């Protein structure tokens, strides 16, 4: 999967926020705030193909967590991004 074209991560008042660019992405009710970890993952996979395993590996590189916790968190984040229609297959 991949992040859909038109969604960008920006810093607004020190907060990481995803917003849509272009007419097809305009939906002002869809301004999504990310914590530092989610923003790190977004920046790491932006423009690339990725899956839960990719996110898990990135979490393990940066944080001291077990593989099980990293995979569970990666899968939860992917589910949320999918629900928000930020990803394409």
PDB file of N, CA and C in Angstrom:
ATOM      1  N   UNK A   1       0.833  -1.181   0.000  1.00  0.00           N
ATOM      2  CA  UNK A   1       0.000   0.000   0.000  1.00  0.00           C
ATOM      3  C   UNK A   1       0.875   1.241   0.000  1.00  0.00           C
ATOM      4  N   UNK A   2       0.231   2.375  -0.193  1.00  0.00           N
ATOM      5  CA  UNK A   2       0.947   3.631  -0.346  1.00  0.00           C
ATOM      6  C   UNK A   2       0.041   4.772   0.121  1.00  0.00           C
ATOM      7  N   UNK A   3       0.639   5.854   0.578  1.00  0.00           N
ATOM      8  CA  UNK A   3      -0.136   7.043   0.937  1.00  0.00           C
ATOM      9  C   UNK A   3      -0.692   7.646  -0.349  1.00  0.00           C
ATOM     10  N   UNK A   4      -1.975   7.989  -0.345  1.00  0.00           N
ATOM     11  CA  UNK A   4      -2.603   8.579  -1.530  1.00  0.00           C
ATOM     12  C   UNK A   4      -1.934   9.895  -1.892  1.00  0.00           C
ATOM     13  N   UNK A   5      -1.819  10.146  -3.186  1.00  0.00           N
ATOM     14  CA  UNK A   5      -1.322  11.434  -3.663  1.00  0.00           C
ATOM     15  C   UNK A   5      -2.248  12.538  -3.177  1.00  0.00           C
ATOM     16  N   UNK A   6      -1.682  13.660  -2.825  1.00  0.00           N
ATOM     17  CA  UNK A   6      -2.479  14.804  -2.420  1.00  0.00           C
ATOM     18  C   UNK A   6      -2.519  15.019  -0.920  1.00  0.00           C
ATOM     19  N   UNK A   7      -2.114  14.013  -0.136  1.00  0.00           N
ATOM     20  CA  UNK A   7      -2.068  14.199   1.311  1.00  0.00           C
ATOM     21  C   UNK A   7      -0.644  14.535   1.724  1.00  0.00           C
ATOM     22  N   UNK A   8      -0.494  15.588   2.513  1.00  0.00           N
ATOM     23  CA  UNK A   8       0.833  16.028   2.939  1.00  0.00           C
ATOM     24  C   UNK A   8       0.852  16.237   4.445  1.00  0.00           C
ATOM     25  N   UNK A   9       2.021  16.030   5.013  1.00  0.00           N
ATOM     26  CA  UNK A   9       2.241  16.265   6.434  1.00  0.00           C
ATOM     27  C   UNK A   9       2.854  17.643   6.595  1.00  0.00           C
ATOM     28  N   UNK A  10       2.254  18.437   7.445  1.00  0.00           N
ATOM     29  CA  UNK A  10       2.745  19.798   7.698  1.00  0.00           C
ATOM     30  C   UNK A  10       2.859  20.018   9.193  1.00  0.00           C
ATOM     31  N   UNK A  11       3.705  20.951   9.575  1.00  0.00           N
ATOM     32  CA  UNK A  11       3.791  21.401  10.961  1.00  0.00           C
ATOM     33  C   UNK A  11       2.995  22.696  11.065  1.00  0.00           C
ATOM     34  N   UNK A  12       1.984  22.689  11.911  1.00  0.00           N
ATOM     35  CA  UNK A  12       1.167  23.877  12.148  1.00  0.00           C
ATOM     36  C   UNK A  12       1.184  24.148  13.639  1.00  0.00           C
ATOM     37  N   UNK A  13       1.757  25.272  14.015  1.00  0.00           N
ATOM     38  CA  UNK A  13       1.878  25.637  15.430  1.00  0.00           C
ATOM     39  C   UNK A  13       2.531  24.515  16.236  1.00  0.00           C
ATOM     40  N   UNK A  14       3.557  23.894  15.670  1.00  0.00           N
ATOM     41  CA  UNK A  14       4.283  22.838  16.358  1.00  0.00           C
ATOM     42  C   UNK A  14       3.595  21.482  16.354  1.00  0.00           C
ATOM     43  N   UNK A  15       2.440  21.384  15.724  1.00  0.00           N
ATOM     44  CA  UNK A  15       1.679  20.135  15.662  1.00  0.00           C
ATOM     45  C   UNK A  15       1.797  19.528  14.271  1.00  0.00           C
ATOM     46  N   UNK A  16       2.022  18.213  14.180  1.00  0.00           N
ATOM     47  CA  UNK A  16       2.053  17.520  12.890  1.00  0.00           C
ATOM     48  C   UNK A  16       0.629  17.257  12.442  1.00  0.00           C
ATOM     49  N   UNK A  17       0.299  17.734  11.234  1.00  0.00           N
ATOM     50  CA  UNK A  17      -1.061  17.645  10.718  1.00  0.00           C
ATOM     51  C   UNK A  17      -1.021  17.193   9.263  1.00  0.00           C
ATOM     52  N   UNK A  18      -1.913  16.254   8.920  1.00  0.00           N
ATOM     53  CA  UNK A  18      -2.069  15.828   7.526  1.00  0.00           C
ATOM     54  C   UNK A  18      -3.211  16.633   6.934  1.00  0.00           C
ATOM     55  N   UNK A  19      -2.957  17.177   5.753  1.00  0.00           N
ATOM     56  CA  UNK A  19      -4.018  17.901   5.048  1.00  0.00           C
ATOM     57  C   UNK A  19      -4.012  17.478   3.587  1.00  0.00           C
ATOM     58  N   UNK A  20      -5.129  17.711   2.929  1.00  0.00           N
ATOM     59  CA  UNK A  20      -5.243  17.379   1.524  1.00  0.00           C
ATOM     60  C   UNK A  20      -4.907  18.573   0.661  1.00  0.00           C
ATOM     61  N   UNK A  21      -4.224  18.311  -0.452  1.00  0.00           N
ATOM     62  CA  UNK A  21      -3.921  19.356  -1.427  1.00  0.00           C
ATOM     63  C   UNK A  21      -4.580  18.991  -2.738  1.00  0.00           C
ATOM     64  N   UNK A  22      -5.031  19.969  -3.463  1.00  0.00           N
ATOM     65  CA  UNK A  22      -5.676  19.721  -4.749  1.00  0.00           C
ATOM     66  C   UNK A  22      -7.172  19.577  -4.578  1.00  0.00           C
ATOM     67  N   UNK A  23      -7.901  19.832  -5.634  1.00  0.00           N
ATOM     68  CA  UNK A  23      -9.360  19.825  -5.563  1.00  0.00           C
ATOM     69  C   UNK A  23      -9.928  18.479  -5.149  1.00  0.00           C
ATOM     70  N   UNK A  24      -9.313  17.375  -5.563  1.00  0.00           N
ATOM     71  CA  UNK A  24      -9.862  16.064  -5.229  1.00  0.00           C
ATOM     72  C   UNK A  24      -9.703  15.729  -3.749  1.00  0.00           C
ATOM     73  N   UNK A  25      -8.801  16.420  -3.062  1.00  0.00           N
ATOM     74  CA  UNK A  25      -8.552  16.132  -1.654  1.00  0.00           C
ATOM     75  C   UNK A  25      -9.183  17.158  -0.710  1.00  0.00           C
ATOM     76  N   UNK A  26      -9.819  18.179  -1.243  1.00  0.00           N
ATOM     77  CA  UNK A  26     -10.353  19.231  -0.389  1.00  0.00           C
ATOM     78  C   UNK A  26     -11.517  18.701   0.427  1.00  0.00           C
ATOM     79  N   UNK A  27     -11.317  18.681   1.715  1.00  0.00           N
ATOM     80  CA  UNK A  27     -12.339  18.285   2.681  1.00  0.00           C
ATOM     81  C   UNK A  27     -11.862  18.864   4.008  1.00  0.00           C
ATOM     82  N   UNK A  28     -12.334  20.025   4.342  1.00  0.00           N
ATOM     83  CA  UNK A  28     -11.806  20.714   5.506  1.00  0.00           C
ATOM     84  C   UNK A  28     -12.188  20.044   6.816  1.00  0.00           C
ATOM     85  N   UNK A  29     -13.069  19.055   6.763  1.00  0.00           N
ATOM     86  CA  UNK A  29     -13.347  18.290   7.969  1.00  0.00           C
ATOM     87  C   UNK A  29     -12.294  17.203   8.159  1.00  0.00           C
ATOM     88  N   UNK A  30     -11.368  17.074   7.200  1.00  0.00           N
ATOM     89  CA  UNK A  30     -10.352  16.035   7.235  1.00  0.00           C
ATOM     90  C   UNK A  30      -8.963  16.632   7.446  1.00  0.00           C
ATOM     91  N   UNK A  31      -8.783  17.283   8.571  1.00  0.00           N
ATOM     92  CA  UNK A  31      -7.476  17.763   8.999  1.00  0.00           C
ATOM     93  C   UNK A  31      -7.075  16.836  10.132  1.00  0.00           C
ATOM     94  N   UNK A  32      -6.049  16.040   9.931  1.00  0.00           N
ATOM     95  CA  UNK A  32      -5.726  14.944  10.835  1.00  0.00           C
ATOM     96  C   UNK A  32      -4.443  15.246  11.588  1.00  0.00           C
ATOM     97  N   UNK A  33      -4.545  15.230  12.888  1.00  0.00           N
ATOM     98  CA  UNK A  33      -3.401  15.484  13.759  1.00  0.00           C
ATOM     99  C   UNK A  33      -2.683  14.169  14.053  1.00  0.00           C
ATOM    100  N   UNK A  34      -1.355  14.174  13.997  1.00  0.00           N
ATOM    101  CA  UNK A  34      -0.548  12.994  14.290  1.00  0.00           C
ATOM    102  C   UNK A  34       0.357  13.250  15.484  1.00  0.00           C
ATOM    103  N   UNK A  35       0.540  12.238  16.310  1.00  0.00           N
ATOM    104  CA  UNK A  35       1.539  12.361  17.368  1.00  0.00           C
ATOM    105  C   UNK A  35       2.922  12.203  16.734  1.00  0.00           C
ATOM    106  N   UNK A  36       3.967  12.387  17.525  1.00  0.00           N
ATOM    107  CA  UNK A  36       5.325  12.358  16.982  1.00  0.00           C
ATOM    108  C   UNK A  36       5.671  11.017  16.330  1.00  0.00           C
ATOM    109  N   UNK A  37       5.212   9.918  16.926  1.00  0.00           N
ATOM    110  CA  UNK A  37       5.511   8.598  16.374  1.00  0.00           C
ATOM    111  C   UNK A  37       4.821   8.387  15.034  1.00  0.00           C
ATOM    112  N   UNK A  38       3.551   8.721  14.950  1.00  0.00           N
ATOM    113  CA  UNK A  38       2.824   8.571  13.685  1.00  0.00           C
ATOM    114  C   UNK A  38       3.417   9.481  12.615  1.00  0.00           C
ATOM    115  N   UNK A  39       3.823  10.687  12.985  1.00  0.00           N
ATOM    116  CA  UNK A  39       4.448  11.600  12.024  1.00  0.00           C
ATOM    117  C   UNK A  39       5.778  11.027  11.525  1.00  0.00           C
ATOM    118  N   UNK A  40       6.559  10.432  12.422  1.00  0.00           N
ATOM    119  CA  UNK A  40       7.813   9.779  12.034  1.00  0.00           C
ATOM    120  C   UNK A  40       7.548   8.667  11.014  1.00  0.00           C
ATOM    121  N   UNK A  41       6.535   7.850  11.281  1.00  0.00           N
ATOM    122  CA  UNK A  41       6.211   6.759  10.357  1.00  0.00           C
ATOM    123  C   UNK A  41       5.739   7.301   9.012  1.00  0.00           C
ATOM    124  N   UNK A  42       4.876   8.318   9.043  1.00  0.00           N
ATOM    125  CA  UNK A  42       4.371   8.926   7.803  1.00  0.00           C
ATOM    126  C   UNK A  42       5.546   9.439   6.960  1.00  0.00           C
ATOM    127  N   UNK A  43       6.435  10.198   7.577  1.00  0.00           N
ATOM    128  CA  UNK A  43       7.583  10.757   6.854  1.00  0.00           C
ATOM    129  C   UNK A  43       8.477   9.653   6.304  1.00  0.00           C
ATOM    130  N   UNK A  44       8.601   8.558   7.034  1.00  0.00           N
ATOM    131  CA  UNK A  44       9.481   7.459   6.622  1.00  0.00           C
ATOM    132  C   UNK A  44       8.947   6.691   5.425  1.00  0.00           C
ATOM    133  N   UNK A  45       7.632   6.641   5.262  1.00  0.00           N
ATOM    134  CA  UNK A  45       7.061   5.844   4.169  1.00  0.00           C
ATOM    135  C   UNK A  45       6.456   6.689   3.054  1.00  0.00           C
ATOM    136  N   UNK A  46       6.446   7.994   3.220  1.00  0.00           N
ATOM    137  CA  UNK A  46       5.856   8.872   2.209  1.00  0.00           C
ATOM    138  C   UNK A  46       6.513   8.636   0.847  1.00  0.00           C
ATOM    139  N   UNK A  47       5.683   8.374  -0.169  1.00  0.00           N
ATOM    140  CA  UNK A  47       6.171   8.153  -1.524  1.00  0.00           C
ATOM    141  C   UNK A  47       6.685   6.744  -1.780  1.00  0.00           C
ATOM    142  N   UNK A  48       6.523   5.834  -0.804  1.00  0.00           N
ATOM    143  CA  UNK A  48       7.029   4.466  -0.933  1.00  0.00           C
ATOM    144  C   UNK A  48       5.906   3.463  -0.699  1.00  0.00           C
ATOM    145  N   UNK A  49       6.105   2.261  -1.202  1.00  0.00           N
ATOM    146  CA  UNK A  49       5.233   1.137  -0.876  1.00  0.00           C
ATOM    147  C   UNK A  49       5.597   0.667   0.526  1.00  0.00           C
ATOM    148  N   UNK A  50       4.578   0.294   1.330  1.00  0.00           N
ATOM    149  CA  UNK A  50       4.843  -0.193   2.683  1.00  0.00           C
ATOM    150  C   UNK A  50       3.695  -1.070   3.154  1.00  0.00           C
ATOM    151  N   UNK A  51       3.941  -1.763   4.252  1.00  0.00           N
ATOM    152  CA  UNK A  51       2.923  -2.578   4.896  1.00  0.00           C
ATOM    153  C   UNK A  51       3.162  -2.551   6.400  1.00  0.00           C
ATOM    154  N   UNK A  52       2.413  -3.344   7.129  1.00  0.00           N
ATOM    155  CA  UNK A  52       2.547  -3.351   8.593  1.00  0.00           C
ATOM    156  C   UNK A  52       3.954  -3.764   9.012  1.00  0.00           C
ATOM    157  N   UNK A  53       4.551  -4.693   8.275  1.00  0.00           N
ATOM    158  CA  UNK A  53       5.912  -5.135   8.590  1.00  0.00           C
ATOM    159  C   UNK A  53       6.905  -3.979   8.471  1.00  0.00           C
ATOM    160  N   UNK A  54       6.752  -3.162   7.447  1.00  0.00           N
ATOM    161  CA  UNK A  54       7.619  -1.992   7.254  1.00  0.00           C
ATOM    162  C   UNK A  54       7.505  -1.050   8.445  1.00  0.00           C
ATOM    163  N   UNK A  55       6.266  -0.751   8.848  1.00  0.00           N
ATOM    164  CA  UNK A  55       6.053   0.146   9.988  1.00  0.00           C
ATOM    165  C   UNK A  55       6.601  -0.458  11.266  1.00  0.00           C
ATOM    166  N   UNK A  56       6.402  -1.762  11.438  1.00  0.00           N
ATOM    167  CA  UNK A  56       6.937  -2.454  12.621  1.00  0.00           C
ATOM    168  C   UNK A  56       8.452  -2.301  12.679  1.00  0.00           C
ATOM    169  N   UNK A  57       9.121  -2.541  11.563  1.00  0.00           N
ATOM    170  CA  UNK A  57      10.584  -2.426  11.519  1.00  0.00           C
ATOM    171  C   UNK A  57      11.041  -1.006  11.849  1.00  0.00           C
ATOM    172  N   UNK A  58      10.318  -0.015  11.341  1.00  0.00           N
ATOM    173  CA  UNK A  58      10.664   1.378  11.648  1.00  0.00           C
ATOM    174  C   UNK A  58      10.501   1.663  13.135  1.00  0.00           C
ATOM    175  N   UNK A  59       9.453   1.133  13.728  1.00  0.00           N
ATOM    176  CA  UNK A  59       9.244   1.321  15.170  1.00  0.00           C
ATOM    177  C   UNK A  59      10.366   0.668  15.971  1.00  0.00           C
ATOM    178  N   UNK A  60      10.772  -0.523  15.556  1.00  0.00           N
ATOM    179  CA  UNK A  60      11.846  -1.226  16.268  1.00  0.00           C
ATOM    180  C   UNK A  60      13.191  -0.507  16.137  1.00  0.00           C
ATOM    181  N   UNK A  61      13.414   0.149  15.009  1.00  0.00           N
ATOM    182  CA  UNK A  61      14.657   0.906  14.818  1.00  0.00           C
ATOM    183  C   UNK A  61      14.749   2.100  15.759  1.00  0.00           C
ATOM    184  N   UNK A  62      13.596   2.694  16.049  1.00  0.00           N
ATOM    185  CA  UNK A  62      13.601   3.962  16.783  1.00  0.00           C
ATOM    186  C   UNK A  62      13.243   3.834  18.267  1.00  0.00           C
ATOM    187  N   UNK A  63      12.451   2.839  18.614  1.00  0.00           N
ATOM    188  CA  UNK A  63      11.938   2.718  19.981  1.00  0.00           C
ATOM    189  C   UNK A  63      12.293   1.363  20.586  1.00  0.00           C
ATOM    190  N   UNK A  64      12.402   1.339  21.881  1.00  0.00           N
ATOM    191  CA  UNK A  64      12.670   0.096  22.602  1.00  0.00           C
ATOM    192  C   UNK A  64      11.347  -0.548  22.982  1.00  0.00           C
ATOM    193  N   UNK A  65      10.794  -1.310  22.045  1.00  0.00           N
ATOM    194  CA  UNK A  65       9.542  -2.035  22.259  1.00  0.00           C
ATOM    195  C   UNK A  65       9.719  -3.453  21.724  1.00  0.00           C
ATOM    196  N   UNK A  66       8.865  -4.346  22.164  1.00  0.00           N
ATOM    197  CA  UNK A  66       8.928  -5.719  21.662  1.00  0.00           C
ATOM    198  C   UNK A  66       8.368  -5.766  20.240  1.00  0.00           C
ATOM    199  N   UNK A  67       8.715  -6.835  19.526  1.00  0.00           N
ATOM    200  CA  UNK A  67       8.193  -7.004  18.164  1.00  0.00           C
ATOM    201  C   UNK A  67       6.677  -7.097  18.172  1.00  0.00           C
ATOM    202  N   UNK A  68       6.122  -7.759  19.177  1.00  0.00           N
ATOM    203  CA  UNK A  68       4.672  -7.920  19.269  1.00  0.00           C
ATOM    204  C   UNK A  68       3.973  -6.576  19.425  1.00  0.00           C
ATOM    205  N   UNK A  69       4.500  -5.739  20.311  1.00  0.00           N
ATOM    206  CA  UNK A  69       3.909  -4.411  20.531  1.00  0.00           C
ATOM    207  C   UNK A  69       4.048  -3.557  19.274  1.00  0.00           C
ATOM    208  N   UNK A  70       5.225  -3.602  18.652  1.00  0.00           N
ATOM    209  CA  UNK A  70       5.463  -2.807  17.440  1.00  0.00           C
ATOM    210  C   UNK A  70       4.513  -3.237  16.320  1.00  0.00           C
ATOM    211  N   UNK A  71       4.327  -4.545  16.133  1.00  0.00           N
ATOM    212  CA  UNK A  71       3.435  -5.031  15.081  1.00  0.00           C
ATOM    213  C   UNK A  71       1.987  -4.660  15.389  1.00  0.00           C
ATOM    214  N   UNK A  72       1.568  -4.818  16.640  1.00  0.00           N
ATOM    215  CA  UNK A  72       0.198  -4.458  17.021  1.00  0.00           C
ATOM    216  C   UNK A  72      -0.059  -2.978  16.755  1.00  0.00           C
ATOM    217  N   UNK A  73       0.897  -2.120  17.136  1.00  0.00           N
ATOM    218  CA  UNK A  73       0.736  -0.683  16.920  1.00  0.00           C
ATOM    219  C   UNK A  73       0.748  -0.329  15.436  1.00  0.00           C
ATOM    220  N   UNK A  74       1.612  -0.988  14.661  1.00  0.00           N
ATOM    221  CA  UNK A  74       1.680  -0.747  13.214  1.00  0.00           C
ATOM    222  C   UNK A  74       0.361  -1.133  12.550  1.00  0.00           C
ATOM    223  N   UNK A  75      -0.183  -2.278  12.917  1.00  0.00           N
ATOM    224  CA  UNK A  75      -1.454  -2.724  12.336  1.00  0.00           C
ATOM    225  C   UNK A  75      -2.596  -1.791  12.722  1.00  0.00           C
ATOM    226  N   UNK A  76      -2.589  -1.310  13.953  1.00  0.00           N
ATOM    227  CA  UNK A  76      -3.636  -0.374  14.402  1.00  0.00           C
ATOM    228  C   UNK A  76      -3.553   0.938  13.630  1.00  0.00           C
ATOM    229  N   UNK A  77      -2.342   1.431  13.419  1.00  0.00           N
ATOM    230  CA  UNK A  77      -2.172   2.677  12.676  1.00  0.00           C
ATOM    231  C   UNK A  77      -2.607   2.507  11.221  1.00  0.00           C
ATOM    232  N   UNK A  78      -2.235   1.394  10.604  1.00  0.00           N
ATOM    233  CA  UNK A  78      -2.660   1.129   9.226  1.00  0.00           C
ATOM    234  C   UNK A  78      -4.182   1.055   9.132  1.00  0.00           C
ATOM    235  N   UNK A  79      -4.807   0.430  10.088  1.00  0.00           N
ATOM    236  CA  UNK A  79      -6.272   0.336  10.094  1.00  0.00           C
ATOM    237  C   UNK A  79      -6.885   1.728  10.185  1.00  0.00           C
ATOM    238  N   UNK A  80      -6.320   2.578  11.011  1.00  0.00           N
ATOM    239  CA  UNK A  80      -6.836   3.945  11.171  1.00  0.00           C
ATOM    240  C   UNK A  80      -6.638   4.741   9.888  1.00  0.00           C
ATOM    241  N   UNK A  81      -5.448   4.674   9.288  1.00  0.00           N
ATOM    242  CA  UNK A  81      -5.182   5.398   8.044  1.00  0.00           C
ATOM    243  C   UNK A  81      -6.081   4.891   6.918  1.00  0.00           C
ATOM    244  N   UNK A  82      -6.351   3.584   6.888  1.00  0.00           N
ATOM    245  CA  UNK A  82      -7.249   3.017   5.890  1.00  0.00           C
ATOM    246  C   UNK A  82      -8.661   3.534   6.109  1.00  0.00           C
ATOM    247  N   UNK A  83      -9.112   3.538   7.355  1.00  0.00           N
ATOM    248  CA  UNK A  83     -10.440   4.033   7.691  1.00  0.00           C
ATOM    249  C   UNK A  83     -10.609   5.513   7.277  1.00  0.00           C
ATOM    250  N   UNK A  84      -9.544   6.277   7.403  1.00  0.00           N
ATOM    251  CA  UNK A  84      -9.573   7.695   7.051  1.00  0.00           C
ATOM    252  C   UNK A  84      -9.361   7.920   5.552  1.00  0.00           C
ATOM    253  N   UNK A  85      -9.199   6.834   4.807  1.00  0.00           N
ATOM    254  CA  UNK A  85      -9.024   6.883   3.350  1.00  0.00           C
ATOM    255  C   UNK A  85      -7.778   7.656   2.924  1.00  0.00           C
ATOM    256  N   UNK A  86      -6.690   7.430   3.669  1.00  0.00           N
ATOM    257  CA  UNK A  86      -5.416   8.065   3.358  1.00  0.00           C
ATOM    258  C   UNK A  86      -4.509   7.187   2.508  1.00  0.00           C
ATOM    259  N   UNK A  87      -4.877   5.919   2.340  1.00  0.00           N
ATOM    260  CA  UNK A  87      -4.011   4.943   1.663  1.00  0.00           C
ATOM    261  C   UNK A  87      -4.650   4.422   0.390  1.00  0.00           C
ATOM    262  N   UNK A  88      -3.799   3.967  -0.515  1.00  0.00           N
ATOM    263  CA  UNK A  88      -4.258   3.267  -1.715  1.00  0.00           C
ATOM    264  C   UNK A  88      -3.505   1.952  -1.806  1.00  0.00           C
ATOM    265  N   UNK A  89      -4.143   0.966  -2.404  1.00  0.00           N
ATOM    266  CA  UNK A  89      -3.547  -0.379  -2.498  1.00  0.00           C
ATOM    267  C   UNK A  89      -2.428  -0.445  -3.496  1.00  0.00           C
TER     268      UNK A  89
END
